[in-house]
Amino acid sequence: MSGSISRSVEARPFRPSSLSVEQPLTLAPRYWVPLGTTALGGLLCLGNLWAGGTVELLGMVLLLQSVRLRIVFSAGALELRRGETTLRSFPYPDWKDWKLFWPGVPVLFYFREAKGIHFVPMLFSADQLMAQLDARVPPLERSQEASTTAVATTPEELSS
C-alpha cells in the first residue's frame, strides 16, 4: 500500500534496538494535527458554517485529547494513559499488524491486535513511535489474504 509504513516479516527484519526496553517511555505530545484540523475548520467556516464548525469541533476534541492522554511503551505492552491511570493496555504478543499512514506527514497510526483494530490520530511523536515499535514489537505475520494479494503491473497481466 503506497503512502504507509508497515511492519511485517517481509517488509523489515526484526533487529533488537539499543533502546532500553526495560524502562517505560512516554511518547512526546505533538499538537500540529489538532491545531491543523482546527485551522482547517476555521477556513471551512468561511464557505459552510456547519461543515467548518464540525471540523473545528473535531480539532478541539483532538487538542483536548493530545493534552490529556499519553501513549506509554512499557516492558510488556503499549498503554494508553490519562495521568497515572492506565485506560487500555495492548500486550505486544497480541499484535498482528501495524502501519503508519503518510510517513512524510504522519497523521494516522493503525494497529491490529487480538481484541480489535485501532486507528489512532498522530497526537504524539512519530519518530519516537517508530523507534519504540522497532525495539519492542517483534516481526508480525501478515494475514494469508494480504500476503497472497497480487497487483497486475505489466500489460500482459492486465489483459489476462
N, C-alpha and C. Protein backbone atom coordinates (compact mmCIF):
# COMPACT_ATOMS: atom_id res chain seq x y z
N MET A 1 0.86 -1.17 0.00
CA MET A 1 0.00 0.00 0.00
C MET A 1 0.90 1.22 0.00
N SER A 2 0.72 2.09 -0.96
CA SER A 2 1.58 3.27 -1.00
C SER A 2 1.11 4.28 0.04
N GLY A 3 2.06 5.06 0.51
CA GLY A 3 1.72 6.09 1.48
C GLY A 3 1.64 5.59 2.91
N SER A 4 2.21 4.40 3.17
CA SER A 4 2.20 3.93 4.54
C SER A 4 3.47 3.15 4.83
N ILE A 5 3.83 3.11 6.08
CA ILE A 5 4.93 2.28 6.55
C ILE A 5 4.29 1.19 7.37
N SER A 6 4.66 -0.07 7.10
CA SER A 6 4.10 -1.14 7.89
C SER A 6 5.20 -2.07 8.35
N ARG A 7 4.90 -2.86 9.33
CA ARG A 7 5.88 -3.78 9.89
C ARG A 7 5.39 -5.18 9.65
N SER A 8 6.09 -5.96 8.90
CA SER A 8 5.79 -7.37 8.71
C SER A 8 7.10 -8.10 8.51
N VAL A 9 7.03 -9.41 8.49
CA VAL A 9 8.23 -10.21 8.29
C VAL A 9 8.84 -9.88 6.94
N GLU A 10 8.00 -9.69 5.91
CA GLU A 10 8.50 -9.42 4.58
C GLU A 10 9.07 -8.00 4.46
N ALA A 11 8.48 -7.04 5.17
CA ALA A 11 8.84 -5.64 4.99
C ALA A 11 10.16 -5.27 5.64
N ARG A 12 10.40 -5.71 6.86
CA ARG A 12 11.59 -5.29 7.60
C ARG A 12 12.00 -6.39 8.56
N PRO A 13 13.25 -6.80 8.54
CA PRO A 13 13.68 -7.80 9.52
C PRO A 13 13.72 -7.19 10.92
N PHE A 14 13.48 -8.03 11.91
CA PHE A 14 13.49 -7.58 13.30
C PHE A 14 14.94 -7.46 13.75
N ARG A 15 15.30 -6.27 14.21
CA ARG A 15 16.63 -6.02 14.76
C ARG A 15 16.45 -5.41 16.13
N PRO A 16 16.79 -6.16 17.17
CA PRO A 16 16.67 -5.56 18.50
C PRO A 16 17.46 -4.25 18.55
N SER A 17 16.86 -3.26 19.11
CA SER A 17 17.44 -1.93 19.14
C SER A 17 18.30 -1.74 20.38
N SER A 18 19.12 -0.71 20.35
CA SER A 18 19.92 -0.37 21.52
C SER A 18 19.09 0.43 22.53
N LEU A 19 17.84 0.74 22.20
CA LEU A 19 16.97 1.44 23.14
C LEU A 19 16.67 0.54 24.33
N SER A 20 16.54 1.13 25.48
CA SER A 20 16.19 0.37 26.67
C SER A 20 14.70 0.03 26.62
N VAL A 21 14.40 -1.27 26.62
CA VAL A 21 13.01 -1.68 26.60
C VAL A 21 12.51 -2.03 28.00
N GLU A 22 13.39 -1.94 28.98
CA GLU A 22 13.01 -2.23 30.36
C GLU A 22 12.30 -1.05 31.00
N GLN A 23 12.72 0.17 30.67
CA GLN A 23 12.13 1.37 31.25
C GLN A 23 10.93 1.82 30.40
N PRO A 24 9.82 2.19 31.05
CA PRO A 24 8.69 2.73 30.28
C PRO A 24 9.08 4.05 29.61
N LEU A 25 8.54 4.29 28.43
CA LEU A 25 8.80 5.53 27.72
C LEU A 25 7.47 6.14 27.32
N THR A 26 7.25 7.40 27.68
CA THR A 26 6.05 8.13 27.29
C THR A 26 6.38 8.93 26.04
N LEU A 27 5.56 8.75 25.00
CA LEU A 27 5.79 9.49 23.76
C LEU A 27 5.48 10.97 23.96
N ALA A 28 6.32 11.80 23.38
CA ALA A 28 6.12 13.26 23.47
C ALA A 28 4.86 13.66 22.70
N PRO A 29 4.05 14.56 23.26
CA PRO A 29 2.86 15.02 22.54
C PRO A 29 3.25 15.86 21.33
N ARG A 30 2.37 15.86 20.34
CA ARG A 30 2.58 16.64 19.13
C ARG A 30 1.24 17.29 18.80
N TYR A 31 1.24 18.59 18.70
CA TYR A 31 -0.02 19.32 18.61
C TYR A 31 -0.39 19.78 17.21
N TRP A 32 0.43 19.52 16.19
CA TRP A 32 0.13 20.10 14.88
C TRP A 32 -1.07 19.47 14.20
N VAL A 33 -1.38 18.19 14.46
CA VAL A 33 -2.58 17.58 13.84
C VAL A 33 -3.85 18.24 14.38
N PRO A 34 -4.04 18.36 15.71
CA PRO A 34 -5.25 19.03 16.18
C PRO A 34 -5.30 20.52 15.82
N LEU A 35 -4.15 21.20 15.87
CA LEU A 35 -4.15 22.62 15.50
C LEU A 35 -4.44 22.80 14.01
N GLY A 36 -3.89 21.92 13.18
CA GLY A 36 -4.16 21.98 11.75
C GLY A 36 -5.63 21.70 11.44
N THR A 37 -6.21 20.73 12.15
CA THR A 37 -7.63 20.42 11.96
C THR A 37 -8.50 21.60 12.38
N THR A 38 -8.16 22.24 13.49
CA THR A 38 -8.90 23.41 13.95
C THR A 38 -8.79 24.56 12.94
N ALA A 39 -7.59 24.78 12.43
CA ALA A 39 -7.40 25.85 11.42
C ALA A 39 -8.19 25.54 10.15
N LEU A 40 -8.17 24.27 9.71
CA LEU A 40 -8.95 23.88 8.53
C LEU A 40 -10.44 24.13 8.77
N GLY A 41 -10.90 23.82 9.97
CA GLY A 41 -12.30 24.10 10.30
C GLY A 41 -12.62 25.58 10.23
N GLY A 42 -11.68 26.43 10.69
CA GLY A 42 -11.88 27.88 10.60
C GLY A 42 -11.99 28.34 9.16
N LEU A 43 -11.16 27.77 8.30
CA LEU A 43 -11.24 28.13 6.87
C LEU A 43 -12.54 27.65 6.23
N LEU A 44 -12.97 26.45 6.62
CA LEU A 44 -14.22 25.92 6.08
C LEU A 44 -15.42 26.74 6.53
N CYS A 45 -15.32 27.36 7.70
CA CYS A 45 -16.42 28.21 8.19
C CYS A 45 -16.72 29.37 7.24
N LEU A 46 -15.71 29.79 6.48
CA LEU A 46 -15.91 30.88 5.52
C LEU A 46 -16.89 30.47 4.43
N GLY A 47 -16.89 29.19 4.06
CA GLY A 47 -17.78 28.71 3.00
C GLY A 47 -19.04 28.04 3.51
N ASN A 48 -18.91 27.24 4.55
CA ASN A 48 -20.04 26.50 5.09
C ASN A 48 -19.88 26.43 6.60
N LEU A 49 -20.73 27.14 7.30
CA LEU A 49 -20.61 27.25 8.75
C LEU A 49 -20.75 25.90 9.44
N TRP A 50 -21.69 25.06 8.98
CA TRP A 50 -21.91 23.77 9.64
C TRP A 50 -20.72 22.83 9.43
N ALA A 51 -20.24 22.72 8.20
CA ALA A 51 -19.09 21.85 7.93
C ALA A 51 -17.85 22.36 8.65
N GLY A 52 -17.60 23.65 8.58
CA GLY A 52 -16.45 24.23 9.24
C GLY A 52 -16.52 24.09 10.75
N GLY A 53 -17.70 24.32 11.31
CA GLY A 53 -17.87 24.18 12.75
C GLY A 53 -17.65 22.74 13.22
N THR A 54 -18.10 21.78 12.41
CA THR A 54 -17.91 20.37 12.74
C THR A 54 -16.43 20.01 12.75
N VAL A 55 -15.70 20.43 11.70
CA VAL A 55 -14.27 20.14 11.62
C VAL A 55 -13.51 20.86 12.73
N GLU A 56 -13.90 22.07 13.02
CA GLU A 56 -13.26 22.83 14.10
C GLU A 56 -13.50 22.16 15.46
N LEU A 57 -14.70 21.68 15.67
CA LEU A 57 -15.02 20.95 16.91
C LEU A 57 -14.17 19.68 17.02
N LEU A 58 -14.01 18.97 15.91
CA LEU A 58 -13.15 17.79 15.90
C LEU A 58 -11.72 18.18 16.27
N GLY A 59 -11.22 19.26 15.72
CA GLY A 59 -9.88 19.74 16.05
C GLY A 59 -9.73 20.06 17.53
N MET A 60 -10.76 20.65 18.12
CA MET A 60 -10.69 20.98 19.54
C MET A 60 -10.71 19.71 20.41
N VAL A 61 -11.49 18.71 20.01
CA VAL A 61 -11.51 17.45 20.74
C VAL A 61 -10.14 16.78 20.64
N LEU A 62 -9.54 16.78 19.45
CA LEU A 62 -8.20 16.21 19.29
C LEU A 62 -7.17 16.96 20.14
N LEU A 63 -7.30 18.28 20.20
CA LEU A 63 -6.38 19.07 21.03
C LEU A 63 -6.53 18.71 22.51
N LEU A 64 -7.76 18.58 22.97
CA LEU A 64 -8.00 18.18 24.35
C LEU A 64 -7.40 16.80 24.62
N GLN A 65 -7.58 15.86 23.68
CA GLN A 65 -7.03 14.51 23.85
C GLN A 65 -5.51 14.53 23.86
N SER A 66 -4.90 15.38 23.02
CA SER A 66 -3.44 15.42 22.98
C SER A 66 -2.85 16.01 24.26
N VAL A 67 -3.63 16.83 24.97
CA VAL A 67 -3.19 17.38 26.25
C VAL A 67 -3.39 16.37 27.37
N ARG A 68 -4.48 15.62 27.34
CA ARG A 68 -4.84 14.75 28.46
C ARG A 68 -4.28 13.33 28.37
N LEU A 69 -4.18 12.76 27.15
CA LEU A 69 -3.82 11.36 27.01
C LEU A 69 -2.35 11.19 26.65
N ARG A 70 -1.78 10.06 27.06
CA ARG A 70 -0.39 9.74 26.74
C ARG A 70 -0.29 8.29 26.30
N ILE A 71 0.59 8.05 25.33
CA ILE A 71 0.93 6.70 24.89
C ILE A 71 2.23 6.34 25.60
N VAL A 72 2.21 5.20 26.31
CA VAL A 72 3.38 4.77 27.07
C VAL A 72 3.78 3.37 26.60
N PHE A 73 5.05 3.21 26.26
CA PHE A 73 5.60 1.90 25.94
C PHE A 73 6.19 1.34 27.22
N SER A 74 5.54 0.32 27.79
CA SER A 74 6.07 -0.34 28.99
C SER A 74 6.81 -1.60 28.53
N ALA A 75 7.33 -2.37 29.47
CA ALA A 75 8.11 -3.55 29.12
C ALA A 75 7.29 -4.59 28.35
N GLY A 76 5.99 -4.70 28.64
CA GLY A 76 5.20 -5.76 28.01
C GLY A 76 4.05 -5.31 27.14
N ALA A 77 3.74 -4.00 27.12
CA ALA A 77 2.55 -3.56 26.39
C ALA A 77 2.61 -2.08 26.06
N LEU A 78 1.87 -1.71 25.03
CA LEU A 78 1.63 -0.30 24.73
C LEU A 78 0.42 0.09 25.58
N GLU A 79 0.54 1.19 26.32
CA GLU A 79 -0.53 1.60 27.23
C GLU A 79 -1.04 2.98 26.88
N LEU A 80 -2.34 3.15 27.00
CA LEU A 80 -2.98 4.46 26.85
C LEU A 80 -3.27 4.93 28.26
N ARG A 81 -2.73 6.10 28.63
CA ARG A 81 -2.88 6.60 30.00
C ARG A 81 -3.44 8.01 30.01
N ARG A 82 -4.17 8.29 31.09
CA ARG A 82 -4.59 9.64 31.42
C ARG A 82 -4.04 9.90 32.81
N GLY A 83 -3.03 10.75 32.87
CA GLY A 83 -2.32 10.94 34.13
C GLY A 83 -1.59 9.66 34.48
N GLU A 84 -1.80 9.17 35.69
CA GLU A 84 -1.18 7.91 36.13
C GLU A 84 -2.11 6.71 35.93
N THR A 85 -3.33 6.96 35.44
CA THR A 85 -4.30 5.90 35.25
C THR A 85 -4.16 5.26 33.88
N THR A 86 -4.00 3.94 33.84
CA THR A 86 -3.93 3.22 32.57
C THR A 86 -5.36 2.94 32.12
N LEU A 87 -5.72 3.47 30.93
CA LEU A 87 -7.06 3.28 30.39
C LEU A 87 -7.17 1.98 29.59
N ARG A 88 -6.15 1.70 28.78
CA ARG A 88 -6.11 0.47 27.97
C ARG A 88 -4.67 -0.01 27.89
N SER A 89 -4.52 -1.31 27.76
CA SER A 89 -3.20 -1.91 27.61
C SER A 89 -3.26 -2.88 26.44
N PHE A 90 -2.26 -2.83 25.56
CA PHE A 90 -2.20 -3.67 24.38
C PHE A 90 -0.89 -4.47 24.41
N PRO A 91 -0.91 -5.70 24.93
CA PRO A 91 0.31 -6.51 25.03
C PRO A 91 0.93 -6.77 23.65
N TYR A 92 2.24 -6.62 23.55
CA TYR A 92 2.93 -6.78 22.27
C TYR A 92 2.72 -8.14 21.62
N PRO A 93 2.68 -9.26 22.38
CA PRO A 93 2.49 -10.56 21.73
C PRO A 93 1.13 -10.70 21.02
N ASP A 94 0.15 -9.86 21.38
CA ASP A 94 -1.18 -9.92 20.76
C ASP A 94 -1.26 -9.14 19.45
N TRP A 95 -0.21 -8.40 19.09
CA TRP A 95 -0.25 -7.56 17.89
C TRP A 95 -0.16 -8.43 16.64
N LYS A 96 -0.96 -8.08 15.63
CA LYS A 96 -0.97 -8.78 14.35
C LYS A 96 -0.35 -7.95 13.23
N ASP A 97 -0.52 -6.63 13.27
CA ASP A 97 -0.04 -5.76 12.19
C ASP A 97 -0.05 -4.32 12.69
N TRP A 98 0.77 -3.48 12.07
CA TRP A 98 0.71 -2.04 12.34
C TRP A 98 1.18 -1.28 11.12
N LYS A 99 0.66 -0.07 10.97
CA LYS A 99 1.04 0.81 9.87
C LYS A 99 1.01 2.25 10.33
N LEU A 100 1.89 3.03 9.74
CA LEU A 100 1.91 4.47 9.95
C LEU A 100 1.57 5.10 8.60
N PHE A 101 0.41 5.74 8.49
CA PHE A 101 -0.04 6.28 7.20
C PHE A 101 0.56 7.65 6.94
N TRP A 102 0.93 7.85 5.71
CA TRP A 102 1.55 9.07 5.19
C TRP A 102 2.80 9.42 5.99
N PRO A 103 3.86 8.60 5.85
CA PRO A 103 5.06 8.80 6.68
C PRO A 103 5.72 10.16 6.51
N GLY A 104 5.59 10.81 5.35
CA GLY A 104 6.16 12.14 5.20
C GLY A 104 5.48 13.16 6.10
N VAL A 105 4.18 12.99 6.24
CA VAL A 105 3.37 13.85 7.12
C VAL A 105 2.45 12.89 7.89
N PRO A 106 2.99 12.18 8.89
CA PRO A 106 2.20 11.16 9.56
C PRO A 106 1.02 11.74 10.33
N VAL A 107 -0.19 11.28 9.99
CA VAL A 107 -1.39 11.76 10.67
C VAL A 107 -2.21 10.63 11.29
N LEU A 108 -1.92 9.37 10.92
CA LEU A 108 -2.74 8.26 11.39
C LEU A 108 -1.88 7.04 11.66
N PHE A 109 -2.09 6.42 12.82
CA PHE A 109 -1.41 5.19 13.21
C PHE A 109 -2.47 4.10 13.33
N TYR A 110 -2.24 2.98 12.63
CA TYR A 110 -3.16 1.85 12.65
C TYR A 110 -2.44 0.66 13.25
N PHE A 111 -3.12 -0.08 14.12
CA PHE A 111 -2.59 -1.37 14.54
C PHE A 111 -3.74 -2.32 14.80
N ARG A 112 -3.45 -3.60 14.55
CA ARG A 112 -4.43 -4.66 14.75
C ARG A 112 -3.84 -5.60 15.79
N GLU A 113 -4.66 -5.94 16.77
CA GLU A 113 -4.24 -6.88 17.80
C GLU A 113 -5.37 -7.87 18.02
N ALA A 114 -5.17 -8.82 18.92
CA ALA A 114 -6.10 -9.92 19.11
C ALA A 114 -7.53 -9.45 19.41
N LYS A 115 -7.68 -8.32 20.09
CA LYS A 115 -9.01 -7.87 20.50
C LYS A 115 -9.66 -6.88 19.55
N GLY A 116 -8.95 -6.43 18.51
CA GLY A 116 -9.59 -5.49 17.59
C GLY A 116 -8.61 -4.72 16.73
N ILE A 117 -9.19 -3.82 15.96
CA ILE A 117 -8.45 -2.94 15.05
C ILE A 117 -8.53 -1.53 15.62
N HIS A 118 -7.41 -0.81 15.58
CA HIS A 118 -7.36 0.52 16.18
C HIS A 118 -6.75 1.53 15.21
N PHE A 119 -7.41 2.66 15.05
CA PHE A 119 -6.89 3.80 14.29
C PHE A 119 -6.69 4.93 15.29
N VAL A 120 -5.46 5.45 15.35
CA VAL A 120 -5.12 6.45 16.34
C VAL A 120 -4.57 7.68 15.62
N PRO A 121 -5.16 8.86 15.83
CA PRO A 121 -4.57 10.06 15.23
C PRO A 121 -3.20 10.31 15.84
N MET A 122 -2.29 10.83 15.04
CA MET A 122 -0.91 11.04 15.48
C MET A 122 -0.82 12.28 16.37
N LEU A 123 -1.13 12.09 17.65
CA LEU A 123 -1.07 13.16 18.63
C LEU A 123 0.22 13.08 19.43
N PHE A 124 1.19 12.35 18.90
CA PHE A 124 2.45 12.10 19.59
C PHE A 124 3.56 11.99 18.55
N SER A 125 4.79 11.94 19.00
CA SER A 125 5.95 11.94 18.11
C SER A 125 6.02 10.67 17.25
N ALA A 126 5.99 10.85 15.94
CA ALA A 126 6.08 9.71 15.01
C ALA A 126 7.46 9.07 15.06
N ASP A 127 8.51 9.86 15.23
CA ASP A 127 9.87 9.31 15.29
C ASP A 127 10.04 8.42 16.52
N GLN A 128 9.55 8.88 17.65
CA GLN A 128 9.63 8.06 18.87
C GLN A 128 8.79 6.80 18.72
N LEU A 129 7.61 6.92 18.11
CA LEU A 129 6.74 5.77 17.90
C LEU A 129 7.45 4.71 17.07
N MET A 130 8.04 5.11 15.93
CA MET A 130 8.73 4.16 15.06
C MET A 130 9.90 3.49 15.79
N ALA A 131 10.69 4.26 16.52
CA ALA A 131 11.83 3.70 17.25
C ALA A 131 11.37 2.68 18.29
N GLN A 132 10.31 3.00 19.01
CA GLN A 132 9.82 2.09 20.05
C GLN A 132 9.19 0.84 19.45
N LEU A 133 8.45 0.98 18.35
CA LEU A 133 7.87 -0.19 17.71
C LEU A 133 8.96 -1.11 17.19
N ASP A 134 10.01 -0.54 16.60
CA ASP A 134 11.12 -1.36 16.12
C ASP A 134 11.82 -2.09 17.26
N ALA A 135 11.91 -1.44 18.41
CA ALA A 135 12.61 -2.03 19.55
C ALA A 135 11.76 -3.04 20.32
N ARG A 136 10.45 -2.84 20.37
CA ARG A 136 9.62 -3.64 21.28
C ARG A 136 8.69 -4.64 20.63
N VAL A 137 8.28 -4.41 19.39
CA VAL A 137 7.31 -5.30 18.74
C VAL A 137 8.05 -6.23 17.80
N PRO A 138 7.95 -7.55 18.03
CA PRO A 138 8.64 -8.49 17.15
C PRO A 138 8.03 -8.49 15.75
N PRO A 139 8.69 -9.12 14.78
CA PRO A 139 8.12 -9.16 13.42
C PRO A 139 6.72 -9.75 13.45
N LEU A 140 5.85 -9.20 12.64
CA LEU A 140 4.46 -9.61 12.63
C LEU A 140 4.15 -10.34 11.34
N GLU A 141 3.33 -11.37 11.45
CA GLU A 141 2.90 -12.12 10.27
C GLU A 141 1.72 -11.41 9.63
N ARG A 142 1.76 -11.31 8.32
CA ARG A 142 0.62 -10.76 7.58
C ARG A 142 -0.47 -11.81 7.51
N SER A 143 -1.72 -11.37 7.36
CA SER A 143 -2.80 -12.32 7.17
C SER A 143 -2.60 -13.02 5.83
N GLN A 144 -3.14 -14.21 5.69
CA GLN A 144 -2.96 -15.00 4.47
C GLN A 144 -3.50 -14.25 3.26
N GLU A 145 -4.65 -13.60 3.37
CA GLU A 145 -5.22 -12.88 2.23
C GLU A 145 -4.37 -11.68 1.83
N ALA A 146 -3.78 -10.99 2.79
CA ALA A 146 -2.96 -9.83 2.46
C ALA A 146 -1.67 -10.24 1.79
N SER A 147 -1.10 -11.39 2.17
CA SER A 147 0.17 -11.81 1.58
C SER A 147 0.00 -12.45 0.22
N THR A 148 -1.22 -12.90 -0.13
CA THR A 148 -1.43 -13.53 -1.43
C THR A 148 -2.01 -12.57 -2.45
N THR A 149 -2.35 -11.36 -2.06
CA THR A 149 -2.90 -10.39 -2.99
C THR A 149 -1.81 -9.91 -3.93
N ALA A 150 -2.08 -10.04 -5.23
CA ALA A 150 -1.09 -9.61 -6.22
C ALA A 150 -1.67 -8.45 -7.02
N VAL A 151 -0.81 -7.59 -7.47
CA VAL A 151 -1.22 -6.44 -8.27
C VAL A 151 -0.63 -6.60 -9.66
N ALA A 152 -1.47 -6.50 -10.69
CA ALA A 152 -1.01 -6.60 -12.06
C ALA A 152 -0.20 -5.35 -12.41
N THR A 153 1.00 -5.57 -12.95
CA THR A 153 1.87 -4.44 -13.24
C THR A 153 2.30 -4.37 -14.70
N THR A 154 2.14 -5.46 -15.46
CA THR A 154 2.53 -5.44 -16.86
C THR A 154 1.29 -5.49 -17.73
N PRO A 155 1.38 -5.06 -19.01
CA PRO A 155 0.21 -5.13 -19.89
C PRO A 155 -0.33 -6.53 -20.05
N GLU A 156 0.54 -7.56 -20.03
CA GLU A 156 0.07 -8.94 -20.16
C GLU A 156 -0.75 -9.34 -18.95
N GLU A 157 -0.31 -8.95 -17.78
CA GLU A 157 -1.06 -9.28 -16.56
C GLU A 157 -2.38 -8.54 -16.52
N LEU A 158 -2.42 -7.31 -17.03
CA LEU A 158 -3.65 -6.53 -17.03
C LEU A 158 -4.68 -7.12 -17.98
N SER A 159 -4.23 -7.68 -19.10
CA SER A 159 -5.17 -8.20 -20.10
C SER A 159 -5.70 -9.58 -19.74
N SER A 160 -5.03 -10.29 -18.85
CA SER A 160 -5.50 -11.65 -18.51
C SER A 160 -6.53 -11.64 -17.41
